[in-house]
Amino acid sequence: CAASTSIFTLYKMGWYRQAPGKQRELVAAITSSFSTNYADSVKGRF
């Protein structure tokens, strides 16, 4: 995911996904300080 902002370092970034017929869900996120969190379904794989 390429971002156009000049203050990218300040952004919290995340990946979400949406399967057919389902709600959008958070897959993974990473903060400006490189802290991460993952959905249980993808931990250890993503």
ModelCIF file with pLDDT and N, C-alpha, C, O atoms, coordinates in Angstrom:
data_MODEL
#
_entry.id   MODEL 
#
_entity.id                         1 
_entity.type                       polymer 
_entity.pdbx_number_of_molecules   1 
#
_entity_poly.entity_id                      1 
_entity_poly.type                           'polypeptide(L)' 
_entity_poly.nstd_linkage                   no 
_entity_poly.nstd_monomer                   no 
_entity_poly.pdbx_seq_one_letter_code       CAASTSIFTLYKMGWYRQAPGKQRELVAAITSSFSTNYADSVKGRF 
_entity_poly.pdbx_seq_one_letter_code_can   CAASTSIFTLYKMGWYRQAPGKQRELVAAITSSFSTNYADSVKGRF 
_entity_poly.pdbx_strand_id                 A 
#
loop_
_entity_poly_seq.entity_id 
_entity_poly_seq.num 
_entity_poly_seq.mon_id 
_entity_poly_seq.hetero 
1 1  CYS n 
1 2  ALA n 
1 3  ALA n 
1 4  SER n 
1 5  THR n 
1 6  SER n 
1 7  ILE n 
1 8  PHE n 
1 9  THR n 
1 10 LEU n 
1 11 TYR n 
1 12 LYS n 
1 13 MET n 
1 14 GLY n 
1 15 TRP n 
1 16 TYR n 
1 17 ARG n 
1 18 GLN n 
1 19 ALA n 
1 20 PRO n 
1 21 GLY n 
1 22 LYS n 
1 23 GLN n 
1 24 ARG n 
1 25 GLU n 
1 26 LEU n 
1 27 VAL n 
1 28 ALA n 
1 29 ALA n 
1 30 ILE n 
1 31 THR n 
1 32 SER n 
1 33 SER n 
1 34 PHE n 
1 35 SER n 
1 36 THR n 
1 37 ASN n 
1 38 TYR n 
1 39 ALA n 
1 40 ASP n 
1 41 SER n 
1 42 VAL n 
1 43 LYS n 
1 44 GLY n 
1 45 ARG n 
1 46 PHE n 
#
_struct_asym.id          A 
_struct_asym.entity_id   1 
#
loop_
_ma_qa_metric.id 
_ma_qa_metric.mode 
_ma_qa_metric.name 
_ma_qa_metric.software_group_id 
_ma_qa_metric.type 
1 global pLDDT . pLDDT 
2 local  pLDDT . pLDDT 
#
_ma_qa_metric_global.metric_id      1 
_ma_qa_metric_global.metric_value   97.28 
_ma_qa_metric_global.model_id       1 
_ma_qa_metric_global.ordinal_id     1 
#
loop_
_ma_qa_metric_local.label_asym_id 
_ma_qa_metric_local.label_comp_id 
_ma_qa_metric_local.label_seq_id 
_ma_qa_metric_local.metric_id 
_ma_qa_metric_local.metric_value 
_ma_qa_metric_local.model_id 
_ma_qa_metric_local.ordinal_id 
A CYS 1  2 98.00 1 1  
A ALA 2  2 98.00 1 2  
A ALA 3  2 97.00 1 3  
A SER 4  2 96.00 1 4  
A THR 5  2 93.00 1 5  
A SER 6  2 94.00 1 6  
A ILE 7  2 96.00 1 7  
A PHE 8  2 97.00 1 8  
A THR 9  2 97.00 1 9  
A LEU 10 2 97.00 1 10 
A TYR 11 2 98.00 1 11 
A LYS 12 2 98.00 1 12 
A MET 13 2 98.00 1 13 
A GLY 14 2 98.00 1 14 
A TRP 15 2 98.00 1 15 
A TYR 16 2 98.00 1 16 
A ARG 17 2 98.00 1 17 
A GLN 18 2 98.00 1 18 
A ALA 19 2 97.00 1 19 
A PRO 20 2 92.00 1 20 
A GLY 21 2 94.00 1 21 
A LYS 22 2 96.00 1 22 
A GLN 23 2 97.00 1 23 
A ARG 24 2 98.00 1 24 
A GLU 25 2 98.00 1 25 
A LEU 26 2 98.00 1 26 
A VAL 27 2 98.00 1 27 
A ALA 28 2 98.00 1 28 
A ALA 29 2 98.00 1 29 
A ILE 30 2 98.00 1 30 
A THR 31 2 98.00 1 31 
A SER 32 2 97.00 1 32 
A SER 33 2 97.00 1 33 
A PHE 34 2 98.00 1 34 
A SER 35 2 98.00 1 35 
A THR 36 2 98.00 1 36 
A ASN 37 2 98.00 1 37 
A TYR 38 2 98.00 1 38 
A ALA 39 2 98.00 1 39 
A ASP 40 2 98.00 1 40 
A SER 41 2 98.00 1 41 
A VAL 42 2 98.00 1 42 
A LYS 43 2 98.00 1 43 
A GLY 44 2 98.00 1 44 
A ARG 45 2 98.00 1 45 
A PHE 46 2 98.00 1 46 
#
loop_
_atom_site.group_PDB 
_atom_site.id 
_atom_site.type_symbol 
_atom_site.label_atom_id 
_atom_site.label_alt_id 
_atom_site.label_comp_id 
_atom_site.label_asym_id 
_atom_site.label_entity_id 
_atom_site.label_seq_id 
_atom_site.pdbx_PDB_ins_code 
_atom_site.Cartn_x 
_atom_site.Cartn_y 
_atom_site.Cartn_z 
_atom_site.occupancy 
_atom_site.B_iso_or_equiv 
_atom_site.pdbx_formal_charge 
_atom_site.auth_seq_id 
_atom_site.auth_comp_id 
_atom_site.auth_asym_id 
_atom_site.auth_atom_id 
_atom_site.pdbx_PDB_model_num 
ATOM 1   N N  . CYS A 1 1  ? 0.856   -1.178  0.000  1.00 98.00 ? 1  CYS A N  1 
ATOM 2   C CA . CYS A 1 1  ? 0.000   0.000   0.000  1.00 98.00 ? 1  CYS A CA 1 
ATOM 3   C C  . CYS A 1 1  ? 0.890   1.225   0.000  1.00 98.00 ? 1  CYS A C  1 
ATOM 4   O O  . CYS A 1 1  ? 1.620   1.473   0.959  1.00 98.00 ? 1  CYS A O  1 
ATOM 5   N N  . ALA A 1 2  ? 0.828   1.982   -1.068 1.00 98.00 ? 2  ALA A N  1 
ATOM 6   C CA . ALA A 1 2  ? 1.623   3.193   -1.196 1.00 98.00 ? 2  ALA A CA 1 
ATOM 7   C C  . ALA A 1 2  ? 0.771   4.403   -0.858 1.00 98.00 ? 2  ALA A C  1 
ATOM 8   O O  . ALA A 1 2  ? -0.335  4.555   -1.376 1.00 98.00 ? 2  ALA A O  1 
ATOM 9   N N  . ALA A 1 3  ? 1.285   5.263   0.013  1.00 97.00 ? 3  ALA A N  1 
ATOM 10  C CA . ALA A 1 3  ? 0.567   6.448   0.464  1.00 97.00 ? 3  ALA A CA 1 
ATOM 11  C C  . ALA A 1 3  ? 1.206   7.716   -0.073 1.00 97.00 ? 3  ALA A C  1 
ATOM 12  O O  . ALA A 1 3  ? 2.426   7.798   -0.217 1.00 97.00 ? 3  ALA A O  1 
ATOM 13  N N  . SER A 1 4  ? 0.376   8.700   -0.368 1.00 96.00 ? 4  SER A N  1 
ATOM 14  C CA . SER A 1 4  ? 0.860   9.939   -0.966 1.00 96.00 ? 4  SER A CA 1 
ATOM 15  C C  . SER A 1 4  ? 1.201   11.032  0.043  1.00 96.00 ? 4  SER A C  1 
ATOM 16  O O  . SER A 1 4  ? 1.758   12.062  -0.338 1.00 96.00 ? 4  SER A O  1 
ATOM 17  N N  . THR A 1 5  ? 0.884   10.833  1.303  1.00 93.00 ? 5  THR A N  1 
ATOM 18  C CA . THR A 1 5  ? 1.080   11.875  2.309  1.00 93.00 ? 5  THR A CA 1 
ATOM 19  C C  . THR A 1 5  ? 2.548   12.083  2.666  1.00 93.00 ? 5  THR A C  1 
ATOM 20  O O  . THR A 1 5  ? 3.347   11.147  2.667  1.00 93.00 ? 5  THR A O  1 
ATOM 21  N N  . SER A 1 6  ? 2.878   13.336  2.970  1.00 94.00 ? 6  SER A N  1 
ATOM 22  C CA . SER A 1 6  ? 4.237   13.676  3.380  1.00 94.00 ? 6  SER A CA 1 
ATOM 23  C C  . SER A 1 6  ? 4.477   13.445  4.866  1.00 94.00 ? 6  SER A C  1 
ATOM 24  O O  . SER A 1 6  ? 5.610   13.548  5.335  1.00 94.00 ? 6  SER A O  1 
ATOM 25  N N  . ILE A 1 7  ? 3.419   13.133  5.608  1.00 96.00 ? 7  ILE A N  1 
ATOM 26  C CA . ILE A 1 7  ? 3.545   12.838  7.033  1.00 96.00 ? 7  ILE A CA 1 
ATOM 27  C C  . ILE A 1 7  ? 3.161   11.393  7.314  1.00 96.00 ? 7  ILE A C  1 
ATOM 28  O O  . ILE A 1 7  ? 2.512   11.095  8.316  1.00 96.00 ? 7  ILE A O  1 
ATOM 29  N N  . PHE A 1 8  ? 3.557   10.520  6.441  1.00 97.00 ? 8  PHE A N  1 
ATOM 30  C CA . PHE A 1 8  ? 3.243   9.103   6.553  1.00 97.00 ? 8  PHE A CA 1 
ATOM 31  C C  . PHE A 1 8  ? 3.684   8.527   7.899  1.00 97.00 ? 8  PHE A C  1 
ATOM 32  O O  . PHE A 1 8  ? 3.012   7.657   8.454  1.00 97.00 ? 8  PHE A O  1 
ATOM 33  N N  . THR A 1 9  ? 4.792   9.005   8.415  1.00 97.00 ? 9  THR A N  1 
ATOM 34  C CA . THR A 1 9  ? 5.324   8.487   9.674  1.00 97.00 ? 9  THR A CA 1 
ATOM 35  C C  . THR A 1 9  ? 4.367   8.676   10.845 1.00 97.00 ? 9  THR A C  1 
ATOM 36  O O  . THR A 1 9  ? 4.460   7.953   11.837 1.00 97.00 ? 9  THR A O  1 
ATOM 37  N N  . LEU A 1 10 ? 3.448   9.638   10.746 1.00 97.00 ? 10 LEU A N  1 
ATOM 38  C CA . LEU A 1 10 ? 2.515   9.906   11.825 1.00 97.00 ? 10 LEU A CA 1 
ATOM 39  C C  . LEU A 1 10 ? 1.255   9.045   11.764 1.00 97.00 ? 10 LEU A C  1 
ATOM 40  O O  . LEU A 1 10 ? 0.488   8.992   12.726 1.00 97.00 ? 10 LEU A O  1 
ATOM 41  N N  . TYR A 1 11 ? 1.049   8.387   10.662 1.00 98.00 ? 11 TYR A N  1 
ATOM 42  C CA . TYR A 1 11 ? -0.172  7.626   10.450 1.00 98.00 ? 11 TYR A CA 1 
ATOM 43  C C  . TYR A 1 11 ? -0.151  6.247   11.084 1.00 98.00 ? 11 TYR A C  1 
ATOM 44  O O  . TYR A 1 11 ? 0.864   5.551   11.080 1.00 98.00 ? 11 TYR A O  1 
ATOM 45  N N  . LYS A 1 12 ? -1.293  5.874   11.624 1.00 98.00 ? 12 LYS A N  1 
ATOM 46  C CA . LYS A 1 12 ? -1.518  4.487   11.966 1.00 98.00 ? 12 LYS A CA 1 
ATOM 47  C C  . LYS A 1 12 ? -2.072  3.820   10.713 1.00 98.00 ? 12 LYS A C  1 
ATOM 48  O O  . LYS A 1 12 ? -3.055  4.289   10.140 1.00 98.00 ? 12 LYS A O  1 
ATOM 49  N N  . MET A 1 13 ? -1.455  2.748   10.295 1.00 98.00 ? 13 MET A N  1 
ATOM 50  C CA . MET A 1 13 ? -1.841  2.066   9.074  1.00 98.00 ? 13 MET A CA 1 
ATOM 51  C C  . MET A 1 13 ? -2.432  0.699   9.392  1.00 98.00 ? 13 MET A C  1 
ATOM 52  O O  . MET A 1 13 ? -2.071  0.058   10.379 1.00 98.00 ? 13 MET A O  1 
ATOM 53  N N  . GLY A 1 14 ? -3.337  0.278   8.540  1.00 98.00 ? 14 GLY A N  1 
ATOM 54  C CA . GLY A 1 14 ? -3.953  -1.019  8.762  1.00 98.00 ? 14 GLY A CA 1 
ATOM 55  C C  . GLY A 1 14 ? -4.396  -1.676  7.480  1.00 98.00 ? 14 GLY A C  1 
ATOM 56  O O  . GLY A 1 14 ? -4.558  -1.033  6.443  1.00 98.00 ? 14 GLY A O  1 
ATOM 57  N N  . TRP A 1 15 ? -4.586  -2.973  7.578  1.00 98.00 ? 15 TRP A N  1 
ATOM 58  C CA . TRP A 1 15 ? -5.172  -3.745  6.500  1.00 98.00 ? 15 TRP A CA 1 
ATOM 59  C C  . TRP A 1 15 ? -6.486  -4.323  6.985  1.00 98.00 ? 15 TRP A C  1 
ATOM 60  O O  . TRP A 1 15 ? -6.555  -4.938  8.049  1.00 98.00 ? 15 TRP A O  1 
ATOM 61  N N  . TYR A 1 16 ? -7.519  -4.121  6.201  1.00 98.00 ? 16 TYR A N  1 
ATOM 62  C CA . TYR A 1 16 ? -8.829  -4.681  6.456  1.00 98.00 ? 16 TYR A CA 1 
ATOM 63  C C  . TYR A 1 16 ? -9.195  -5.590  5.298  1.00 98.00 ? 16 TYR A C  1 
ATOM 64  O O  . TYR A 1 16 ? -8.608  -5.505  4.220  1.00 98.00 ? 16 TYR A O  1 
ATOM 65  N N  . ARG A 1 17 ? -10.159 -6.453  5.525  1.00 98.00 ? 17 ARG A N  1 
ATOM 66  C CA . ARG A 1 17 ? -10.639 -7.281  4.428  1.00 98.00 ? 17 ARG A CA 1 
ATOM 67  C C  . ARG A 1 17 ? -12.141 -7.457  4.525  1.00 98.00 ? 17 ARG A C  1 
ATOM 68  O O  . ARG A 1 17 ? -12.729 -7.381  5.604  1.00 98.00 ? 17 ARG A O  1 
ATOM 69  N N  . GLN A 1 18 ? -12.741 -7.691  3.387  1.00 98.00 ? 18 GLN A N  1 
ATOM 70  C CA . GLN A 1 18 ? -14.169 -7.927  3.329  1.00 98.00 ? 18 GLN A CA 1 
ATOM 71  C C  . GLN A 1 18 ? -14.456 -9.060  2.357  1.00 98.00 ? 18 GLN A C  1 
ATOM 72  O O  . GLN A 1 18 ? -14.180 -8.961  1.161  1.00 98.00 ? 18 GLN A O  1 
ATOM 73  N N  . ALA A 1 19 ? -15.011 -10.131 2.891  1.00 97.00 ? 19 ALA A N  1 
ATOM 74  C CA . ALA A 1 19 ? -15.421 -11.264 2.088  1.00 97.00 ? 19 ALA A CA 1 
ATOM 75  C C  . ALA A 1 19 ? -16.872 -11.083 1.668  1.00 97.00 ? 19 ALA A C  1 
ATOM 76  O O  . ALA A 1 19 ? -17.609 -10.345 2.321  1.00 97.00 ? 19 ALA A O  1 
ATOM 77  N N  . PRO A 1 20 ? -17.299 -11.741 0.592  1.00 92.00 ? 20 PRO A N  1 
ATOM 78  C CA . PRO A 1 20 ? -18.690 -11.613 0.138  1.00 92.00 ? 20 PRO A CA 1 
ATOM 79  C C  . PRO A 1 20 ? -19.685 -11.946 1.241  1.00 92.00 ? 20 PRO A C  1 
ATOM 80  O O  . PRO A 1 20 ? -19.581 -12.988 1.888  1.00 92.00 ? 20 PRO A O  1 
ATOM 81  N N  . GLY A 1 21 ? -20.647 -11.060 1.450  1.00 94.00 ? 21 GLY A N  1 
ATOM 82  C CA . GLY A 1 21 ? -21.674 -11.289 2.446  1.00 94.00 ? 21 GLY A CA 1 
ATOM 83  C C  . GLY A 1 21 ? -21.248 -11.054 3.877  1.00 94.00 ? 21 GLY A C  1 
ATOM 84  O O  . GLY A 1 21 ? -22.027 -11.304 4.797  1.00 94.00 ? 21 GLY A O  1 
ATOM 85  N N  . LYS A 1 22 ? -20.036 -10.580 4.091  1.00 96.00 ? 22 LYS A N  1 
ATOM 86  C CA . LYS A 1 22 ? -19.540 -10.351 5.438  1.00 96.00 ? 22 LYS A CA 1 
ATOM 87  C C  . LYS A 1 22 ? -19.144 -8.898  5.635  1.00 96.00 ? 22 LYS A C  1 
ATOM 88  O O  . LYS A 1 22 ? -18.948 -8.153  4.675  1.00 96.00 ? 22 LYS A O  1 
ATOM 89  N N  . GLN A 1 23 ? -19.031 -8.514  6.895  1.00 97.00 ? 23 GLN A N  1 
ATOM 90  C CA . GLN A 1 23 ? -18.612 -7.165  7.231  1.00 97.00 ? 23 GLN A CA 1 
ATOM 91  C C  . GLN A 1 23 ? -17.105 -7.019  7.076  1.00 97.00 ? 23 GLN A C  1 
ATOM 92  O O  . GLN A 1 23 ? -16.356 -7.992  7.157  1.00 97.00 ? 23 GLN A O  1 
ATOM 93  N N  . ARG A 1 24 ? -16.687 -5.803  6.855  1.00 98.00 ? 24 ARG A N  1 
ATOM 94  C CA . ARG A 1 24 ? -15.267 -5.528  6.780  1.00 98.00 ? 24 ARG A CA 1 
ATOM 95  C C  . ARG A 1 24 ? -14.636 -5.724  8.156  1.00 98.00 ? 24 ARG A C  1 
ATOM 96  O O  . ARG A 1 24 ? -15.187 -5.277  9.163  1.00 98.00 ? 24 ARG A O  1 
ATOM 97  N N  . GLU A 1 25 ? -13.498 -6.382  8.199  1.00 98.00 ? 25 GLU A N  1 
ATOM 98  C CA . GLU A 1 25 ? -12.834 -6.656  9.461  1.00 98.00 ? 25 GLU A CA 1 
ATOM 99  C C  . GLU A 1 25 ? -11.371 -6.254  9.415  1.00 98.00 ? 25 GLU A C  1 
ATOM 100 O O  . GLU A 1 25 ? -10.728 -6.290  8.366  1.00 98.00 ? 25 GLU A O  1 
ATOM 101 N N  . LEU A 1 26 ? -10.866 -5.875  10.568 1.00 98.00 ? 26 LEU A N  1 
ATOM 102 C CA . LEU A 1 26 ? -9.450  -5.540  10.687 1.00 98.00 ? 26 LEU A CA 1 
ATOM 103 C C  . LEU A 1 26 ? -8.622  -6.805  10.624 1.00 98.00 ? 26 LEU A C  1 
ATOM 104 O O  . LEU A 1 26 ? -8.906  -7.780  11.320 1.00 98.00 ? 26 LEU A O  1 
ATOM 105 N N  . VAL A 1 27 ? -7.607  -6.789  9.796  1.00 98.00 ? 27 VAL A N  1 
ATOM 106 C CA . VAL A 1 27 ? -6.687  -7.909  9.676  1.00 98.00 ? 27 VAL A CA 1 
ATOM 107 C C  . VAL A 1 27 ? -5.426  -7.653  10.484 1.00 98.00 ? 27 VAL A C  1 
ATOM 108 O O  . VAL A 1 27 ? -4.992  -8.504  11.261 1.00 98.00 ? 27 VAL A O  1 
ATOM 109 N N  . ALA A 1 28 ? -4.845  -6.487  10.298 1.00 98.00 ? 28 ALA A N  1 
ATOM 110 C CA . ALA A 1 28 ? -3.610  -6.132  10.985 1.00 98.00 ? 28 ALA A CA 1 
ATOM 111 C C  . ALA A 1 28 ? -3.454  -4.625  10.993 1.00 98.00 ? 28 ALA A C  1 
ATOM 112 O O  . ALA A 1 28 ? -3.959  -3.933  10.109 1.00 98.00 ? 28 ALA A O  1 
ATOM 113 N N  . ALA A 1 29 ? -2.752  -4.120  11.996 1.00 98.00 ? 29 ALA A N  1 
ATOM 114 C CA . ALA A 1 29 ? -2.500  -2.691  12.094 1.00 98.00 ? 29 ALA A CA 1 
ATOM 115 C C  . ALA A 1 29 ? -1.090  -2.452  12.605 1.00 98.00 ? 29 ALA A C  1 
ATOM 116 O O  . ALA A 1 29 ? -0.520  -3.279  13.316 1.00 98.00 ? 29 ALA A O  1 
ATOM 117 N N  . ILE A 1 30 ? -0.544  -1.313  12.233 1.00 98.00 ? 30 ILE A N  1 
ATOM 118 C CA . ILE A 1 30 ? 0.785   -0.936  12.697 1.00 98.00 ? 30 ILE A CA 1 
ATOM 119 C C  . ILE A 1 30 ? 0.787   0.556   12.986 1.00 98.00 ? 30 ILE A C  1 
ATOM 120 O O  . ILE A 1 30 ? 0.324   1.353   12.170 1.00 98.00 ? 30 ILE A O  1 
ATOM 121 N N  . THR A 1 31 ? 1.307   0.932   14.145 1.00 98.00 ? 31 THR A N  1 
ATOM 122 C CA . THR A 1 31 ? 1.302   2.318   14.566 1.00 98.00 ? 31 THR A CA 1 
ATOM 123 C C  . THR A 1 31 ? 2.539   3.057   14.088 1.00 98.00 ? 31 THR A C  1 
ATOM 124 O O  . THR A 1 31 ? 3.422   2.482   13.452 1.00 98.00 ? 31 THR A O  1 
ATOM 125 N N  . SER A 1 32 ? 2.583   4.343   14.408 1.00 97.00 ? 32 SER A N  1 
ATOM 126 C CA . SER A 1 32 ? 3.741   5.163   14.057 1.00 97.00 ? 32 SER A CA 1 
ATOM 127 C C  . SER A 1 32 ? 5.001   4.727   14.791 1.00 97.00 ? 32 SER A C  1 
ATOM 128 O O  . SER A 1 32 ? 6.114   5.014   14.351 1.00 97.00 ? 32 SER A O  1 
ATOM 129 N N  . SER A 1 33 ? 4.821   4.033   15.914 1.00 97.00 ? 33 SER A N  1 
ATOM 130 C CA . SER A 1 33 ? 5.955   3.516   16.674 1.00 97.00 ? 33 SER A CA 1 
ATOM 131 C C  . SER A 1 33 ? 6.224   2.042   16.396 1.00 97.00 ? 33 SER A C  1 
ATOM 132 O O  . SER A 1 33 ? 6.969   1.389   17.126 1.00 97.00 ? 33 SER A O  1 
ATOM 133 N N  . PHE A 1 34 ? 5.609   1.523   15.333 1.00 98.00 ? 34 PHE A N  1 
ATOM 134 C CA . PHE A 1 34 ? 5.828   0.164   14.849 1.00 98.00 ? 34 PHE A CA 1 
ATOM 135 C C  . PHE A 1 34 ? 5.227   -0.915  15.726 1.00 98.00 ? 34 PHE A C  1 
ATOM 136 O O  . PHE A 1 34 ? 5.585   -2.087  15.609 1.00 98.00 ? 34 PHE A O  1 
ATOM 137 N N  . SER A 1 35 ? 4.312   -0.528  16.605 1.00 98.00 ? 35 SER A N  1 
ATOM 138 C CA . SER A 1 35 ? 3.560   -1.515  17.352 1.00 98.00 ? 35 SER A CA 1 
ATOM 139 C C  . SER A 1 35 ? 2.547   -2.162  16.417 1.00 98.00 ? 35 SER A C  1 
ATOM 140 O O  . SER A 1 35 ? 1.965   -1.483  15.570 1.00 98.00 ? 35 SER A O  1 
ATOM 141 N N  . THR A 1 36 ? 2.333   -3.457  16.559 1.00 98.00 ? 36 THR A N  1 
ATOM 142 C CA . THR A 1 36 ? 1.429   -4.173  15.666 1.00 98.00 ? 36 THR A CA 1 
ATOM 143 C C  . THR A 1 36 ? 0.366   -4.945  16.419 1.00 98.00 ? 36 THR A C  1 
ATOM 144 O O  . THR A 1 36 ? 0.545   -5.301  17.583 1.00 98.00 ? 36 THR A O  1 
ATOM 145 N N  . ASN A 1 37 ? -0.736  -5.197  15.746 1.00 98.00 ? 37 ASN A N  1 
ATOM 146 C CA . ASN A 1 37 ? -1.733  -6.111  16.265 1.00 98.00 ? 37 ASN A CA 1 
ATOM 147 C C  . ASN A 1 37 ? -2.413  -6.810  15.098 1.00 98.00 ? 37 ASN A C  1 
ATOM 148 O O  . ASN A 1 37 ? -2.482  -6.284  13.987 1.00 98.00 ? 37 ASN A O  1 
ATOM 149 N N  . TYR A 1 38 ? -2.914  -8.008  15.379 1.00 98.00 ? 38 TYR A N  1 
ATOM 150 C CA . TYR A 1 38 ? -3.474  -8.856  14.341 1.00 98.00 ? 38 TYR A CA 1 
ATOM 151 C C  . TYR A 1 38 ? -4.787  -9.476  14.777 1.00 98.00 ? 38 TYR A C  1 
ATOM 152 O O  . TYR A 1 38 ? -5.030  -9.695  15.964 1.00 98.00 ? 38 TYR A O  1 
ATOM 153 N N  . ALA A 1 39 ? -5.617  -9.751  13.802 1.00 98.00 ? 39 ALA A N  1 
ATOM 154 C CA . ALA A 1 39 ? -6.799  -10.551 14.068 1.00 98.00 ? 39 ALA A CA 1 
ATOM 155 C C  . ALA A 1 39 ? -6.351  -11.956 14.453 1.00 98.00 ? 39 ALA A C  1 
ATOM 156 O O  . ALA A 1 39 ? -5.356  -12.459 13.931 1.00 98.00 ? 39 ALA A O  1 
ATOM 157 N N  . ASP A 1 40 ? -7.078  -12.581 15.358 1.00 98.00 ? 40 ASP A N  1 
ATOM 158 C CA . ASP A 1 40 ? -6.708  -13.921 15.802 1.00 98.00 ? 40 ASP A CA 1 
ATOM 159 C C  . ASP A 1 40 ? -6.602  -14.907 14.642 1.00 98.00 ? 40 ASP A C  1 
ATOM 160 O O  . ASP A 1 40 ? -5.776  -15.819 14.667 1.00 98.00 ? 40 ASP A O  1 
ATOM 161 N N  . SER A 1 41 ? -7.430  -14.721 13.642 1.00 98.00 ? 41 SER A N  1 
ATOM 162 C CA . SER A 1 41 ? -7.476  -15.644 12.525 1.00 98.00 ? 41 SER A CA 1 
ATOM 163 C C  . SER A 1 41 ? -6.222  -15.626 11.652 1.00 98.00 ? 41 SER A C  1 
ATOM 164 O O  . SER A 1 41 ? -5.994  -16.554 10.875 1.00 98.00 ? 41 SER A O  1 
ATOM 165 N N  . VAL A 1 42 ? -5.411  -14.579 11.775 1.00 98.00 ? 42 VAL A N  1 
ATOM 166 C CA . VAL A 1 42 ? -4.222  -14.475 10.934 1.00 98.00 ? 42 VAL A CA 1 
ATOM 167 C C  . VAL A 1 42 ? -2.924  -14.467 11.720 1.00 98.00 ? 42 VAL A C  1 
ATOM 168 O O  . VAL A 1 42 ? -1.846  -14.446 11.126 1.00 98.00 ? 42 VAL A O  1 
ATOM 169 N N  . LYS A 1 43 ? -3.004  -14.482 13.039 1.00 98.00 ? 43 LYS A N  1 
ATOM 170 C CA . LYS A 1 43 ? -1.795  -14.473 13.859 1.00 98.00 ? 43 LYS A CA 1 
ATOM 171 C C  . LYS A 1 43 ? -0.899  -15.659 13.537 1.00 98.00 ? 43 LYS A C  1 
ATOM 172 O O  . LYS A 1 43 ? -1.354  -16.798 13.437 1.00 98.00 ? 43 LYS A O  1 
ATOM 173 N N  . GLY A 1 44 ? 0.371   -15.365 13.380 1.00 98.00 ? 44 GLY A N  1 
ATOM 174 C CA . GLY A 1 44 ? 1.333   -16.400 13.053 1.00 98.00 ? 44 GLY A CA 1 
ATOM 175 C C  . GLY A 1 44 ? 1.475   -16.653 11.578 1.00 98.00 ? 44 GLY A C  1 
ATOM 176 O O  . GLY A 1 44 ? 2.418   -17.323 11.158 1.00 98.00 ? 44 GLY A O  1 
ATOM 177 N N  . ARG A 1 45 ? 0.559   -16.132 10.772 1.00 98.00 ? 45 ARG A N  1 
ATOM 178 C CA . ARG A 1 45 ? 0.597   -16.335 9.330  1.00 98.00 ? 45 ARG A CA 1 
ATOM 179 C C  . ARG A 1 45 ? 0.863   -15.045 8.566  1.00 98.00 ? 45 ARG A C  1 
ATOM 180 O O  . ARG A 1 45 ? 1.563   -15.047 7.553  1.00 98.00 ? 45 ARG A O  1 
ATOM 181 N N  . PHE A 1 46 ? 0.305   -13.950 9.053  1.00 98.00 ? 46 PHE A N  1 
ATOM 182 C CA . PHE A 1 46 ? 0.437   -12.659 8.379  1.00 98.00 ? 46 PHE A CA 1 
ATOM 183 C C  . PHE A 1 46 ? 1.381   -11.759 9.154  1.00 98.00 ? 46 PHE A C  1 
ATOM 184 O O  . PHE A 1 46 ? 1.624   -10.623 8.747  1.00 98.00 ? 46 PHE A O  1 
#
